[in-house]
Amino acid sequence: YMPHTFPHVPMFASPDFKGKSRAGI
């Protein structure tokens, strides 16, 4: 059972993904 933390705010992403999406954080 794998209930993820995101995309609940506050929104965080690792350096490999931060700033990569057209839709912001």
PDB file of all heavy atoms in Angstrom:
ATOM      1  N   TYR A   1       0.873  -1.173   0.000  1.00  0.00           N
ATOM      2  CA  TYR A   1       0.000   0.000   0.000  1.00  0.00           C
ATOM      3  C   TYR A   1       0.906   1.218   0.000  1.00  0.00           C
ATOM      4  O   TYR A   1       1.676   1.438   0.943  1.00  0.00           O
ATOM      5  CB  TYR A   1      -0.901  -0.022   1.230  1.00  0.00           C
ATOM      6  CG  TYR A   1      -1.719   1.232   1.463  1.00  0.00           C
ATOM      7  CD1 TYR A   1      -2.539   1.765   0.471  1.00  0.00           C
ATOM      8  CD2 TYR A   1      -1.684   1.880   2.704  1.00  0.00           C
ATOM      9  CE1 TYR A   1      -3.296   2.906   0.703  1.00  0.00           C
ATOM     10  CE2 TYR A   1      -2.448   3.014   2.951  1.00  0.00           C
ATOM     11  CZ  TYR A   1      -3.242   3.519   1.939  1.00  0.00           C
ATOM     12  OH  TYR A   1      -3.989   4.668   2.170  1.00  0.00           O
ATOM     13  N   MET A   2       0.839   2.014  -1.077  1.00  0.00           N
ATOM     14  CA  MET A   2       1.779   3.105  -1.297  1.00  0.00           C
ATOM     15  C   MET A   2       1.036   4.431  -1.483  1.00  0.00           C
ATOM     16  O   MET A   2       0.889   4.930  -2.609  1.00  0.00           O
ATOM     17  CB  MET A   2       2.636   2.783  -2.514  1.00  0.00           C
ATOM     18  CG  MET A   2       3.886   3.611  -2.658  1.00  0.00           C
ATOM     19  SD  MET A   2       4.853   3.051  -4.088  1.00  0.00           S
ATOM     20  CE  MET A   2       6.259   4.159  -3.944  1.00  0.00           C
ATOM     21  N   PRO A   3       0.569   5.044  -0.386  1.00  0.00           N
ATOM     22  CA  PRO A   3      -0.116   6.338  -0.480  1.00  0.00           C
ATOM     23  C   PRO A   3       0.898   7.488  -0.474  1.00  0.00           C
ATOM     24  O   PRO A   3       1.491   7.799   0.554  1.00  0.00           O
ATOM     25  CB  PRO A   3      -0.997   6.348   0.774  1.00  0.00           C
ATOM     26  CG  PRO A   3      -0.245   5.501   1.750  1.00  0.00           C
ATOM     27  CD  PRO A   3       0.553   4.501   0.971  1.00  0.00           C
ATOM     28  N   HIS A   4       1.097   8.101  -1.603  1.00  0.00           N
ATOM     29  CA  HIS A   4       2.114   9.154  -1.730  1.00  0.00           C
ATOM     30  C   HIS A   4       1.726  10.417  -0.974  1.00  0.00           C
ATOM     31  O   HIS A   4       0.552  10.683  -0.729  1.00  0.00           O
ATOM     32  CB  HIS A   4       2.313   9.487  -3.207  1.00  0.00           C
ATOM     33  CG  HIS A   4       3.257   8.558  -3.893  1.00  0.00           C
ATOM     34  ND1 HIS A   4       4.619   8.740  -3.908  1.00  0.00           N
ATOM     35  CD2 HIS A   4       3.037   7.415  -4.595  1.00  0.00           C
ATOM     36  CE1 HIS A   4       5.198   7.778  -4.587  1.00  0.00           C
ATOM     37  NE2 HIS A   4       4.264   6.949  -5.013  1.00  0.00           N
ATOM     38  N   THR A   5       2.731  11.203  -0.638  1.00  0.00           N
ATOM     39  CA  THR A   5       2.519  12.492   0.018  1.00  0.00           C
ATOM     40  C   THR A   5       2.010  13.546  -0.968  1.00  0.00           C
ATOM     41  O   THR A   5       1.192  14.404  -0.605  1.00  0.00           O
ATOM     42  CB  THR A   5       3.825  12.978   0.660  1.00  0.00           C
ATOM     43  OG1 THR A   5       4.130  12.136   1.775  1.00  0.00           O
ATOM     44  CG2 THR A   5       3.732  14.427   1.117  1.00  0.00           C
ATOM     45  N   PHE A   6       2.474  13.489  -2.186  1.00  0.00           N
ATOM     46  CA  PHE A   6       2.151  14.520  -3.184  1.00  0.00           C
ATOM     47  C   PHE A   6       1.148  14.017  -4.215  1.00  0.00           C
ATOM     48  O   PHE A   6       0.940  12.812  -4.334  1.00  0.00           O
ATOM     49  CB  PHE A   6       3.450  14.979  -3.867  1.00  0.00           C
ATOM     50  CG  PHE A   6       4.439  15.548  -2.913  1.00  0.00           C
ATOM     51  CD1 PHE A   6       5.644  14.894  -2.666  1.00  0.00           C
ATOM     52  CD2 PHE A   6       4.186  16.719  -2.220  1.00  0.00           C
ATOM     53  CE1 PHE A   6       6.562  15.397  -1.762  1.00  0.00           C
ATOM     54  CE2 PHE A   6       5.095  17.237  -1.314  1.00  0.00           C
ATOM     55  CZ  PHE A   6       6.291  16.571  -1.084  1.00  0.00           C
ATOM     56  N   PRO A   7       0.463  14.983  -4.908  1.00  0.00           N
ATOM     57  CA  PRO A   7       0.694  16.428  -4.935  1.00  0.00           C
ATOM     58  C   PRO A   7      -0.108  17.256  -3.939  1.00  0.00           C
ATOM     59  O   PRO A   7      -0.790  18.217  -4.323  1.00  0.00           O
ATOM     60  CB  PRO A   7       0.328  16.787  -6.369  1.00  0.00           C
ATOM     61  CG  PRO A   7      -0.765  15.812  -6.724  1.00  0.00           C
ATOM     62  CD  PRO A   7      -0.408  14.543  -6.021  1.00  0.00           C
ATOM     63  N   HIS A   8      -0.056  16.910  -2.671  1.00  0.00           N
ATOM     64  CA  HIS A   8      -0.628  17.726  -1.602  1.00  0.00           C
ATOM     65  C   HIS A   8       0.340  18.866  -1.298  1.00  0.00           C
ATOM     66  O   HIS A   8       1.555  18.674  -1.336  1.00  0.00           O
ATOM     67  CB  HIS A   8      -0.824  16.842  -0.358  1.00  0.00           C
ATOM     68  CG  HIS A   8      -1.615  17.454   0.749  1.00  0.00           C
ATOM     69  ND1 HIS A   8      -1.133  18.486   1.536  1.00  0.00           N
ATOM     70  CD2 HIS A   8      -2.852  17.176   1.232  1.00  0.00           C
ATOM     71  CE1 HIS A   8      -2.049  18.810   2.448  1.00  0.00           C
ATOM     72  NE2 HIS A   8      -3.098  18.035   2.280  1.00  0.00           N
ATOM     73  N   VAL A   9      -0.187  20.048  -0.992  1.00  0.00           N
ATOM     74  CA  VAL A   9       0.679  21.174  -0.622  1.00  0.00           C
ATOM     75  C   VAL A   9       1.167  21.008   0.811  1.00  0.00           C
ATOM     76  O   VAL A   9       0.471  20.385   1.628  1.00  0.00           O
ATOM     77  CB  VAL A   9      -0.072  22.521  -0.773  1.00  0.00           C
ATOM     78  CG1 VAL A   9      -0.454  22.768  -2.201  1.00  0.00           C
ATOM     79  CG2 VAL A   9      -1.276  22.611   0.149  1.00  0.00           C
ATOM     80  N   PRO A  10       2.340  21.564   1.156  1.00  0.00           N
ATOM     81  CA  PRO A  10       3.274  22.307   0.319  1.00  0.00           C
ATOM     82  C   PRO A  10       3.933  21.385  -0.711  1.00  0.00           C
ATOM     83  O   PRO A  10       4.180  20.215  -0.441  1.00  0.00           O
ATOM     84  CB  PRO A  10       4.293  22.851   1.319  1.00  0.00           C
ATOM     85  CG  PRO A  10       4.269  21.851   2.439  1.00  0.00           C
ATOM     86  CD  PRO A  10       2.837  21.417   2.542  1.00  0.00           C
ATOM     87  N   MET A  11       4.201  21.929  -1.887  1.00  0.00           N
ATOM     88  CA  MET A  11       4.669  21.130  -3.003  1.00  0.00           C
ATOM     89  C   MET A  11       6.186  21.138  -3.088  1.00  0.00           C
ATOM     90  O   MET A  11       6.816  22.198  -3.124  1.00  0.00           O
ATOM     91  CB  MET A  11       4.076  21.674  -4.304  1.00  0.00           C
ATOM     92  CG  MET A  11       3.795  20.625  -5.338  1.00  0.00           C
ATOM     93  SD  MET A  11       2.425  19.541  -4.891  1.00  0.00           S
ATOM     94  CE  MET A  11       1.066  20.697  -4.875  1.00  0.00           C
ATOM     95  N   PHE A  12       6.755  19.916  -3.111  1.00  0.00           N
ATOM     96  CA  PHE A  12       8.201  19.783  -3.245  1.00  0.00           C
ATOM     97  C   PHE A  12       8.507  18.722  -4.298  1.00  0.00           C
ATOM     98  O   PHE A  12       7.711  17.818  -4.547  1.00  0.00           O
ATOM     99  CB  PHE A  12       8.837  19.365  -1.914  1.00  0.00           C
ATOM    100  CG  PHE A  12       8.756  20.395  -0.830  1.00  0.00           C
ATOM    101  CD1 PHE A  12       7.746  20.331   0.124  1.00  0.00           C
ATOM    102  CD2 PHE A  12       9.676  21.433  -0.759  1.00  0.00           C
ATOM    103  CE1 PHE A  12       7.666  21.278   1.141  1.00  0.00           C
ATOM    104  CE2 PHE A  12       9.597  22.389   0.242  1.00  0.00           C
ATOM    105  CZ  PHE A  12       8.593  22.313   1.199  1.00  0.00           C
ATOM    106  N   ALA A  13       9.674  18.845  -4.901  1.00  0.00           N
ATOM    107  CA  ALA A  13      10.161  17.839  -5.843  1.00  0.00           C
ATOM    108  C   ALA A  13      11.672  17.749  -5.682  1.00  0.00           C
ATOM    109  O   ALA A  13      12.317  18.705  -5.226  1.00  0.00           O
ATOM    110  CB  ALA A  13       9.792  18.207  -7.282  1.00  0.00           C
ATOM    111  N   SER A  14      12.228  16.628  -6.046  1.00  0.00           N
ATOM    112  CA  SER A  14      13.672  16.451  -5.948  1.00  0.00           C
ATOM    113  C   SER A  14      14.372  17.280  -7.034  1.00  0.00           C
ATOM    114  O   SER A  14      13.738  17.705  -8.006  1.00  0.00           O
ATOM    115  CB  SER A  14      14.023  14.980  -6.103  1.00  0.00           C
ATOM    116  OG  SER A  14      13.819  14.568  -7.445  1.00  0.00           O
ATOM    117  N   PRO A  15      15.685  17.505  -6.895  1.00  0.00           N
ATOM    118  CA  PRO A  15      16.411  18.288  -7.906  1.00  0.00           C
ATOM    119  C   PRO A  15      16.289  17.729  -9.320  1.00  0.00           C
ATOM    120  O   PRO A  15      16.341  18.495 -10.291  1.00  0.00           O
ATOM    121  CB  PRO A  15      17.858  18.222  -7.415  1.00  0.00           C
ATOM    122  CG  PRO A  15      17.743  18.052  -5.937  1.00  0.00           C
ATOM    123  CD  PRO A  15      16.535  17.177  -5.736  1.00  0.00           C
ATOM    124  N   ASP A  16      16.110  16.417  -9.458  1.00  0.00           N
ATOM    125  CA  ASP A  16      15.986  15.820 -10.797  1.00  0.00           C
ATOM    126  C   ASP A  16      14.706  16.238 -11.504  1.00  0.00           C
ATOM    127  O   ASP A  16      14.611  16.138 -12.734  1.00  0.00           O
ATOM    128  CB  ASP A  16      16.018  14.295 -10.693  1.00  0.00           C
ATOM    129  CG  ASP A  16      17.397  13.763 -10.358  1.00  0.00           C
ATOM    130  OD1 ASP A  16      18.379  14.522 -10.534  1.00  0.00           O
ATOM    131  OD2 ASP A  16      17.491  12.609  -9.909  1.00  0.00           O
ATOM    132  N   PHE A  17      13.719  16.712 -10.746  1.00  0.00           N
ATOM    133  CA  PHE A  17      12.420  17.045 -11.339  1.00  0.00           C
ATOM    134  C   PHE A  17      12.015  18.504 -11.165  1.00  0.00           C
ATOM    135  O   PHE A  17      11.200  19.008 -11.937  1.00  0.00           O
ATOM    136  CB  PHE A  17      11.327  16.135 -10.747  1.00  0.00           C
ATOM    137  CG  PHE A  17      11.453  14.713 -11.199  1.00  0.00           C
ATOM    138  CD1 PHE A  17      12.226  13.815 -10.484  1.00  0.00           C
ATOM    139  CD2 PHE A  17      10.827  14.284 -12.359  1.00  0.00           C
ATOM    140  CE1 PHE A  17      12.371  12.494 -10.911  1.00  0.00           C
ATOM    141  CE2 PHE A  17      10.960  12.974 -12.800  1.00  0.00           C
ATOM    142  CZ  PHE A  17      11.740  12.074 -12.078  1.00  0.00           C
ATOM    143  N   LYS A  18      12.575  19.181 -10.183  1.00  0.00           N
ATOM    144  CA  LYS A  18      12.163  20.563  -9.921  1.00  0.00           C
ATOM    145  C   LYS A  18      12.516  21.463 -11.105  1.00  0.00           C
ATOM    146  O   LYS A  18      13.632  21.442 -11.627  1.00  0.00           O
ATOM    147  CB  LYS A  18      12.819  21.094  -8.657  1.00  0.00           C
ATOM    148  CG  LYS A  18      12.251  22.458  -8.249  1.00  0.00           C
ATOM    149  CD  LYS A  18      12.743  22.896  -6.890  1.00  0.00           C
ATOM    150  CE  LYS A  18      12.097  24.233  -6.511  1.00  0.00           C
ATOM    151  NZ  LYS A  18      12.562  24.729  -5.201  1.00  0.00           N
ATOM    152  N   GLY A  19      11.521  22.230 -11.535  1.00  0.00           N
ATOM    153  CA  GLY A  19      11.728  23.175 -12.620  1.00  0.00           C
ATOM    154  C   GLY A  19      11.659  22.568 -14.007  1.00  0.00           C
ATOM    155  O   GLY A  19      11.960  23.238 -14.996  1.00  0.00           O
ATOM    156  N   LYS A  20      11.228  21.316 -14.105  1.00  0.00           N
ATOM    157  CA  LYS A  20      11.224  20.639 -15.401  1.00  0.00           C
ATOM    158  C   LYS A  20       9.860  20.642 -16.093  1.00  0.00           C
ATOM    159  O   LYS A  20       9.781  20.463 -17.304  1.00  0.00           O
ATOM    160  CB  LYS A  20      11.691  19.185 -15.212  1.00  0.00           C
ATOM    161  CG  LYS A  20      13.062  19.044 -14.569  1.00  0.00           C
ATOM    162  CD  LYS A  20      14.163  19.605 -15.430  1.00  0.00           C
ATOM    163  CE  LYS A  20      15.511  19.591 -14.739  1.00  0.00           C
ATOM    164  NZ  LYS A  20      15.989  18.250 -14.399  1.00  0.00           N
ATOM    165  N   SER A  21       8.777  20.836 -15.348  1.00  0.00           N
ATOM    166  CA  SER A  21       7.446  20.718 -15.925  1.00  0.00           C
ATOM    167  C   SER A  21       6.916  22.057 -16.428  1.00  0.00           C
ATOM    168  O   SER A  21       7.216  23.109 -15.863  1.00  0.00           O
ATOM    169  CB  SER A  21       6.471  20.148 -14.883  1.00  0.00           C
ATOM    170  OG  SER A  21       5.128  20.261 -15.314  1.00  0.00           O
ATOM    171  N   ARG A  22       6.092  22.016 -17.464  1.00  0.00           N
ATOM    172  CA  ARG A  22       5.398  23.213 -17.943  1.00  0.00           C
ATOM    173  C   ARG A  22       4.403  23.721 -16.906  1.00  0.00           C
ATOM    174  O   ARG A  22       4.004  24.892 -16.943  1.00  0.00           O
ATOM    175  CB  ARG A  22       4.641  22.909 -19.239  1.00  0.00           C
ATOM    176  CG  ARG A  22       5.518  22.648 -20.453  1.00  0.00           C
ATOM    177  CD  ARG A  22       4.656  22.252 -21.642  1.00  0.00           C
ATOM    178  NE  ARG A  22       3.750  23.332 -22.038  1.00  0.00           N
ATOM    179  CZ  ARG A  22       2.688  23.163 -22.827  1.00  0.00           C
ATOM    180  NH1 ARG A  22       2.381  21.956 -23.272  1.00  0.00           N
ATOM    181  NH2 ARG A  22       1.930  24.194 -23.158  1.00  0.00           N
ATOM    182  N   ALA A  23       3.981  22.855 -16.000  1.00  0.00           N
ATOM    183  CA  ALA A  23       2.943  23.199 -15.029  1.00  0.00           C
ATOM    184  C   ALA A  23       3.515  23.631 -13.682  1.00  0.00           C
ATOM    185  O   ALA A  23       2.833  23.554 -12.664  1.00  0.00           O
ATOM    186  CB  ALA A  23       2.005  22.016 -14.838  1.00  0.00           C
ATOM    187  N   GLY A  24       4.769  24.094 -13.656  1.00  0.00           N
ATOM    188  CA  GLY A  24       5.340  24.590 -12.419  1.00  0.00           C
ATOM    189  C   GLY A  24       5.640  23.487 -11.426  1.00  0.00           C
ATOM    190  O   GLY A  24       5.776  22.318 -11.780  1.00  0.00           O
ATOM    191  N   ILE A  25       5.734  23.868 -10.147  1.00  0.00           N
ATOM    192  CA  ILE A  25       6.109  22.900  -9.114  1.00  0.00           C
ATOM    193  C   ILE A  25       5.055  21.805  -8.966  1.00  0.00           C
ATOM    194  O   ILE A  25       5.384  20.659  -8.656  1.00  0.00           O
ATOM    195  CB  ILE A  25       6.359  23.606  -7.749  1.00  0.00           C
ATOM    196  CG1 ILE A  25       6.870  22.619  -6.696  1.00  0.00           C
ATOM    197  CG2 ILE A  25       5.121  24.342  -7.277  1.00  0.00           C
ATOM    198  CD1 ILE A  25       8.186  21.966  -7.029  1.00  0.00           C
TER     199      ILE A  25
END
